[in-house]
Amino acid sequence: MLRTLWLVLIFWKFNGGHLQYWDYDPIPLSNPELTPTPPNVTIGDTVTIRCLSRSGPLPVTYTLFHNMSVRGAETTSGRKRSATFTITISDLSSLGPYKCKTNNSLTSATYSNEFTFTQLELKSEDPGLSDCNEIPELTAVGDRVRMGDTVTMHCSSRNGLFPINYILFHKQTIKGIRMESTERNVSFNVTIVDHTHLGPYKCRANCSTYFVYSKAFNFALQGGATNRSAPPDVRIGMESASPWLVLCLRLLLFVNFVFLTLVIVMAWHRKGSWKVCGSHAG
């Protein structure tokens, strides 16, 4: 009984003989601190972002935004006050800006300041003078493929200093990223969907602040067609011809069709006339 009265007195106060609700006003969540590790990056790096709100009631839900897109959300448990997110810098747009949001059921949401990663200026030098030592080699298990095949490509740097960050490019698009601290050979899987996926592919090895590219690699389409030259096909020649020439050829075909149709109709008409004349003559 005394315990029940004690709980009532916590949330209520006595004033003029009347019990009134004692408003509970929790400490608001402080604006979260956004801490990147590391703040300076290169394309292909995997980094972490830590969000921390130092005051306010628990638990707290942290949401990480990249521009206006949600990159992750985490709700703390126990007495944990921070959340950590892992992201990969895949291109220049991945540099930022990033912002962290905190909220829970007791207080309104708060936001951190925006943060944008700084891209390190890598140096591309003679492989013999850089930390990579030599040009990486890009190979595949067979260079002849069919549409729909998934093939494995290997990128290796024999003498580069660890860690080495390998990035596979298809033209200007990143197809895969691998960071290696002990292995000199990494693998990437590539699916050949259409002719544009035949190549060219290149592998880039990032060693410290230097990078070098492999030679370009192109697949050949099994059956004779490759991405370097198209098979002799009339349709391909028509598509590559001038639009006016194609129009003239189509018009000429149409005129020939009309002319042949008229000749057949006239011949049939004359044959019918001869039959009528012969019957009258008989």
Protein backbone atom coordinates (compact mmCIF):
# COMPACT_ATOMS: atom_id res chain seq x y z
CA MET A 1 0.00 0.00 0.00
CA LEU A 2 2.76 2.47 0.94
CA ARG A 3 4.62 1.59 -2.22
CA THR A 4 1.55 2.38 -4.31
CA LEU A 5 1.13 5.78 -2.61
CA TRP A 6 4.80 6.54 -3.16
CA LEU A 7 4.45 5.84 -6.91
CA VAL A 8 1.35 8.05 -7.06
CA LEU A 9 3.19 10.94 -5.36
CA ILE A 10 5.97 10.69 -7.95
CA PHE A 11 3.62 11.55 -10.82
CA TRP A 12 1.08 13.66 -8.96
CA LYS A 13 1.26 16.64 -6.61
CA PHE A 14 -1.18 17.86 -3.95
CA ASN A 15 -2.34 21.47 -4.40
CA GLY A 16 -5.31 23.08 -2.53
CA GLY A 17 -6.83 19.74 -1.69
CA HIS A 18 -6.77 18.59 -5.32
CA LEU A 19 -4.50 16.05 -6.99
CA GLN A 20 -3.02 17.44 -10.22
CA TYR A 21 -0.84 15.78 -12.90
CA TRP A 22 2.84 16.51 -12.45
CA ASP A 23 4.13 17.02 -16.01
CA TYR A 24 7.15 14.93 -16.94
CA ASP A 25 9.63 16.91 -19.03
CA PRO A 26 12.54 14.63 -20.10
CA ILE A 27 15.97 15.95 -21.00
CA PRO A 28 15.98 16.51 -24.78
CA LEU A 29 18.31 14.53 -26.99
CA SER A 30 21.48 16.46 -27.74
CA ASN A 31 22.45 17.01 -31.35
CA PRO A 32 24.40 13.93 -32.44
CA GLU A 33 28.09 14.07 -33.24
CA LEU A 34 29.08 12.51 -36.57
CA THR A 35 32.62 11.06 -36.56
CA PRO A 36 34.05 9.50 -39.77
CA THR A 37 37.02 7.11 -39.76
CA PRO A 38 39.03 8.09 -41.72
CA PRO A 39 37.95 11.55 -42.96
CA ASN A 40 40.24 11.39 -46.03
CA VAL A 41 39.48 8.63 -48.53
CA THR A 42 40.11 7.30 -52.02
CA ILE A 43 37.60 5.74 -54.38
CA GLY A 44 37.02 2.15 -53.30
CA ASP A 45 37.69 2.68 -49.58
CA THR A 46 35.39 1.21 -46.92
CA VAL A 47 34.93 3.60 -44.00
CA THR A 48 32.88 3.90 -40.80
CA ILE A 49 30.67 6.70 -39.52
CA ARG A 50 29.89 6.92 -35.78
CA CYS A 51 26.85 8.82 -34.49
CA LEU A 52 26.66 9.80 -30.80
CA SER A 53 24.07 11.77 -28.79
CA ARG A 54 25.65 12.44 -25.38
CA SER A 55 22.47 13.30 -23.44
CA GLY A 56 18.79 12.40 -23.45
CA PRO A 57 16.70 9.35 -22.58
CA LEU A 58 17.51 5.90 -23.95
CA PRO A 59 17.01 3.98 -26.17
CA VAL A 60 17.89 6.14 -29.17
CA THR A 61 17.29 5.42 -32.87
CA TYR A 62 20.05 6.72 -35.16
CA THR A 63 19.43 7.20 -38.90
CA LEU A 64 22.26 7.96 -41.33
CA PHE A 65 21.40 10.03 -44.42
CA HIS A 66 23.42 10.45 -47.60
CA ASN A 67 21.93 13.49 -49.30
CA MET A 68 18.20 12.68 -48.86
CA SER A 69 18.59 8.89 -48.95
CA VAL A 70 18.66 6.67 -45.85
CA ARG A 71 21.90 4.66 -45.70
CA GLY A 72 21.16 2.86 -42.43
CA ALA A 73 19.29 2.90 -39.12
CA GLU A 74 20.13 1.44 -35.72
CA THR A 75 18.41 1.53 -32.32
CA THR A 76 20.70 1.36 -29.31
CA SER A 77 20.16 -1.22 -26.58
CA GLY A 78 21.10 -1.21 -22.91
CA ARG A 79 23.31 1.72 -21.96
CA LYS A 80 24.87 2.06 -25.41
CA ARG A 81 24.59 5.64 -26.67
CA SER A 82 26.22 5.46 -30.14
CA ALA A 83 25.72 3.71 -33.48
CA THR A 84 28.29 2.84 -36.16
CA PHE A 85 27.63 2.57 -39.90
CA THR A 86 29.92 1.10 -42.58
CA ILE A 87 29.87 2.52 -46.11
CA THR A 88 31.93 2.12 -49.29
CA ILE A 89 33.15 5.09 -51.31
CA SER A 90 32.26 3.73 -54.75
CA ASP A 91 32.40 7.00 -56.72
CA LEU A 92 32.62 10.76 -56.29
CA SER A 93 28.96 11.06 -55.30
CA SER A 94 29.67 8.76 -52.32
CA LEU A 95 31.86 11.42 -50.73
CA GLY A 96 28.84 13.12 -49.16
CA PRO A 97 27.23 15.01 -47.64
CA TYR A 98 26.21 12.76 -44.73
CA LYS A 99 23.98 13.64 -41.78
CA CYS A 100 22.90 11.75 -38.67
CA LYS A 101 19.42 11.93 -37.08
CA THR A 102 18.43 10.87 -33.54
CA ASN A 103 14.95 10.32 -32.16
CA ASN A 104 12.94 8.28 -29.65
CA SER A 105 9.39 8.12 -28.30
CA LEU A 106 9.95 10.76 -25.59
CA THR A 107 11.67 13.65 -27.38
CA SER A 108 11.74 15.30 -30.79
CA ALA A 109 14.35 14.45 -33.42
CA THR A 110 17.73 16.16 -33.58
CA TYR A 111 20.29 16.30 -36.40
CA SER A 112 24.05 16.44 -36.67
CA ASN A 113 26.04 18.79 -38.84
CA GLU A 114 26.68 17.64 -42.41
CA PHE A 115 29.96 15.97 -43.30
CA THR A 116 31.65 15.34 -46.66
CA PHE A 117 34.69 13.11 -47.08
CA THR A 118 37.84 14.55 -48.62
CA GLN A 119 39.24 12.64 -51.58
CA LEU A 120 42.95 11.96 -51.44
CA GLU A 121 44.87 12.89 -54.55
CA LEU A 122 46.39 9.61 -55.69
CA LYS A 123 49.51 9.70 -57.83
CA SER A 124 49.83 7.60 -60.95
CA GLU A 125 53.52 7.07 -61.67
CA ASP A 126 55.89 4.66 -63.29
CA PRO A 127 55.15 1.33 -61.52
CA GLY A 128 58.84 0.91 -60.81
CA LEU A 129 58.87 4.13 -58.76
CA SER A 130 55.58 3.69 -56.88
CA ASP A 131 54.49 1.52 -53.98
CA CYS A 132 52.66 -0.76 -56.44
CA ASN A 133 55.96 -1.66 -58.17
CA GLU A 134 54.33 -3.11 -61.29
CA ILE A 135 51.23 -3.00 -63.46
CA PRO A 136 48.50 -5.37 -62.18
CA GLU A 137 47.48 -8.26 -64.42
CA LEU A 138 43.83 -8.82 -65.34
CA THR A 139 42.85 -12.29 -66.59
CA ALA A 140 39.72 -14.42 -66.94
CA VAL A 141 38.91 -18.11 -66.97
CA GLY A 142 38.49 -18.26 -70.75
CA ASP A 143 38.01 -15.21 -72.93
CA ARG A 144 35.19 -16.65 -75.08
CA VAL A 145 31.71 -16.33 -73.58
CA ARG A 146 28.01 -16.68 -74.41
CA MET A 147 25.18 -14.34 -73.51
CA GLY A 148 24.07 -14.99 -69.93
CA ASP A 149 27.41 -16.47 -68.82
CA THR A 150 28.86 -15.50 -65.44
CA VAL A 151 32.65 -15.48 -65.63
CA THR A 152 35.36 -14.98 -63.03
CA MET A 153 38.02 -12.32 -63.56
CA HIS A 154 41.30 -12.28 -61.61
CA CYS A 155 43.35 -9.22 -60.77
CA SER A 156 46.83 -9.64 -59.28
CA SER A 157 49.74 -7.43 -58.26
CA ARG A 158 52.85 -9.51 -57.66
CA ASN A 159 55.06 -7.04 -55.80
CA GLY A 160 52.81 -4.27 -54.46
CA LEU A 161 53.02 -3.20 -50.83
CA PHE A 162 50.08 -4.30 -48.64
CA PRO A 163 47.34 -3.39 -48.15
CA ILE A 164 46.26 -3.23 -51.79
CA ASN A 165 42.84 -1.97 -52.84
CA TYR A 166 41.73 -3.62 -56.11
CA ILE A 167 39.00 -1.98 -58.18
CA LEU A 168 37.50 -3.56 -61.32
CA PHE A 169 36.22 -1.12 -63.94
CA HIS A 170 33.91 -1.79 -66.88
CA LYS A 171 34.54 1.25 -69.04
CA GLN A 172 34.05 4.03 -66.44
CA THR A 173 31.81 2.04 -64.08
CA ILE A 174 33.07 0.31 -60.93
CA LYS A 175 32.05 -3.36 -60.98
CA GLY A 176 33.76 -4.50 -57.79
CA ILE A 177 36.09 -3.47 -54.95
CA ARG A 178 38.35 -5.73 -52.87
CA MET A 179 40.80 -4.75 -50.14
CA GLU A 180 43.55 -7.29 -49.50
CA SER A 181 46.18 -7.32 -46.75
CA THR A 182 47.66 -10.77 -47.45
CA GLU A 183 46.47 -12.03 -50.88
CA ARG A 184 47.94 -10.77 -54.16
CA ASN A 185 45.19 -12.24 -56.32
CA VAL A 186 41.51 -11.22 -56.06
CA SER A 187 38.47 -12.45 -58.00
CA PHE A 188 35.42 -10.66 -59.42
CA ASN A 189 32.33 -12.25 -60.98
CA VAL A 190 30.94 -10.62 -64.13
CA THR A 191 27.71 -11.52 -65.97
CA ILE A 192 27.58 -11.07 -69.75
CA VAL A 193 24.08 -9.67 -70.37
CA ASP A 194 24.58 -8.13 -73.83
CA HIS A 195 27.29 -7.01 -76.25
CA THR A 196 28.20 -3.97 -74.13
CA HIS A 197 29.34 -6.30 -71.31
CA LEU A 198 32.10 -7.80 -73.46
CA GLY A 199 34.46 -5.01 -72.43
CA PRO A 200 36.71 -3.26 -72.04
CA TYR A 201 37.59 -4.11 -68.42
CA LYS A 202 40.48 -2.73 -66.37
CA CYS A 203 41.79 -3.41 -62.89
CA ARG A 204 43.24 -0.65 -60.73
CA ALA A 205 45.54 -1.36 -57.80
CA ASN A 206 45.77 1.30 -55.09
CA CYS A 207 48.94 1.03 -53.02
CA SER A 208 49.35 3.71 -50.34
CA THR A 209 48.93 7.00 -52.24
CA TYR A 210 49.71 5.54 -55.69
CA PHE A 211 47.64 3.64 -58.22
CA VAL A 212 48.27 1.82 -61.49
CA TYR A 213 45.91 0.29 -64.09
CA SER A 214 46.10 -3.05 -65.82
CA LYS A 215 45.87 -3.42 -69.57
CA ALA A 216 42.34 -3.48 -71.00
CA PHE A 217 40.63 -6.86 -71.32
CA ASN A 218 37.84 -7.75 -73.78
CA PHE A 219 35.78 -10.91 -74.00
CA ALA A 220 34.96 -12.56 -77.33
CA LEU A 221 31.45 -13.81 -78.05
CA GLN A 222 31.44 -17.56 -78.65
CA GLY A 223 30.49 -18.35 -82.24
CA GLY A 224 32.68 -15.79 -83.98
CA ALA A 225 31.10 -12.48 -82.93
CA THR A 226 33.28 -10.25 -80.75
CA ASN A 227 33.06 -6.77 -79.37
CA ARG A 228 35.79 -5.69 -81.77
CA SER A 229 34.03 -6.53 -85.04
CA ALA A 230 30.45 -7.42 -85.91
CA PRO A 231 29.58 -10.47 -88.06
CA PRO A 232 28.62 -9.83 -91.67
CA ASP A 233 24.93 -9.06 -91.34
CA VAL A 234 22.81 -7.09 -93.80
CA ARG A 235 20.72 -5.64 -90.94
CA ILE A 236 23.80 -4.20 -89.24
CA GLY A 237 24.87 -2.63 -92.54
CA MET A 238 21.40 -1.12 -93.01
CA GLU A 239 21.38 0.31 -89.48
CA SER A 240 24.81 1.89 -89.98
CA ALA A 241 23.87 3.39 -93.38
CA SER A 242 22.63 6.92 -93.94
CA PRO A 243 18.93 7.40 -93.06
CA TRP A 244 18.29 8.96 -96.49
CA LEU A 245 19.85 5.96 -98.25
CA VAL A 246 17.68 3.59 -96.23
CA LEU A 247 14.59 5.64 -97.11
CA CYS A 248 15.44 5.58 -100.82
CA LEU A 249 15.97 1.83 -100.80
CA ARG A 250 12.65 1.27 -99.06
CA LEU A 251 10.89 3.58 -101.56
CA LEU A 252 12.48 1.71 -104.47
CA LEU A 253 11.27 -1.61 -103.05
CA PHE A 254 7.77 -0.18 -102.68
CA VAL A 255 7.71 1.10 -106.29
CA ASN A 256 8.89 -2.30 -107.57
CA PHE A 257 6.15 -4.01 -105.56
CA VAL A 258 3.46 -1.70 -106.99
CA PHE A 259 4.79 -2.16 -110.54
CA LEU A 260 4.79 -5.96 -110.29
CA THR A 261 1.27 -5.89 -108.82
CA LEU A 262 0.01 -3.79 -111.78
CA VAL A 263 1.65 -6.14 -114.29
CA ILE A 264 0.00 -9.18 -112.72
CA VAL A 265 -3.42 -7.46 -112.60
CA MET A 266 -3.19 -6.35 -116.26
CA ALA A 267 -2.11 -9.81 -117.40
CA TRP A 268 -4.99 -11.39 -115.55
CA HIS A 269 -7.42 -8.84 -117.01
CA ARG A 270 -6.21 -9.48 -120.57
CA LYS A 271 -6.48 -13.22 -120.10
CA GLY A 272 -10.08 -12.79 -118.96
CA SER A 273 -10.85 -10.57 -121.97
CA TRP A 274 -9.44 -13.14 -124.37
CA LYS A 275 -11.67 -15.81 -122.88
CA VAL A 276 -14.74 -13.59 -123.32
CA CYS A 277 -13.84 -12.78 -126.95
CA GLY A 278 -13.30 -16.46 -127.74
CA SER A 279 -16.70 -17.43 -126.42
CA HIS A 280 -18.38 -14.75 -128.60
CA ALA A 281 -16.45 -15.88 -131.64
CA GLY A 282 -17.58 -19.47 -131.13
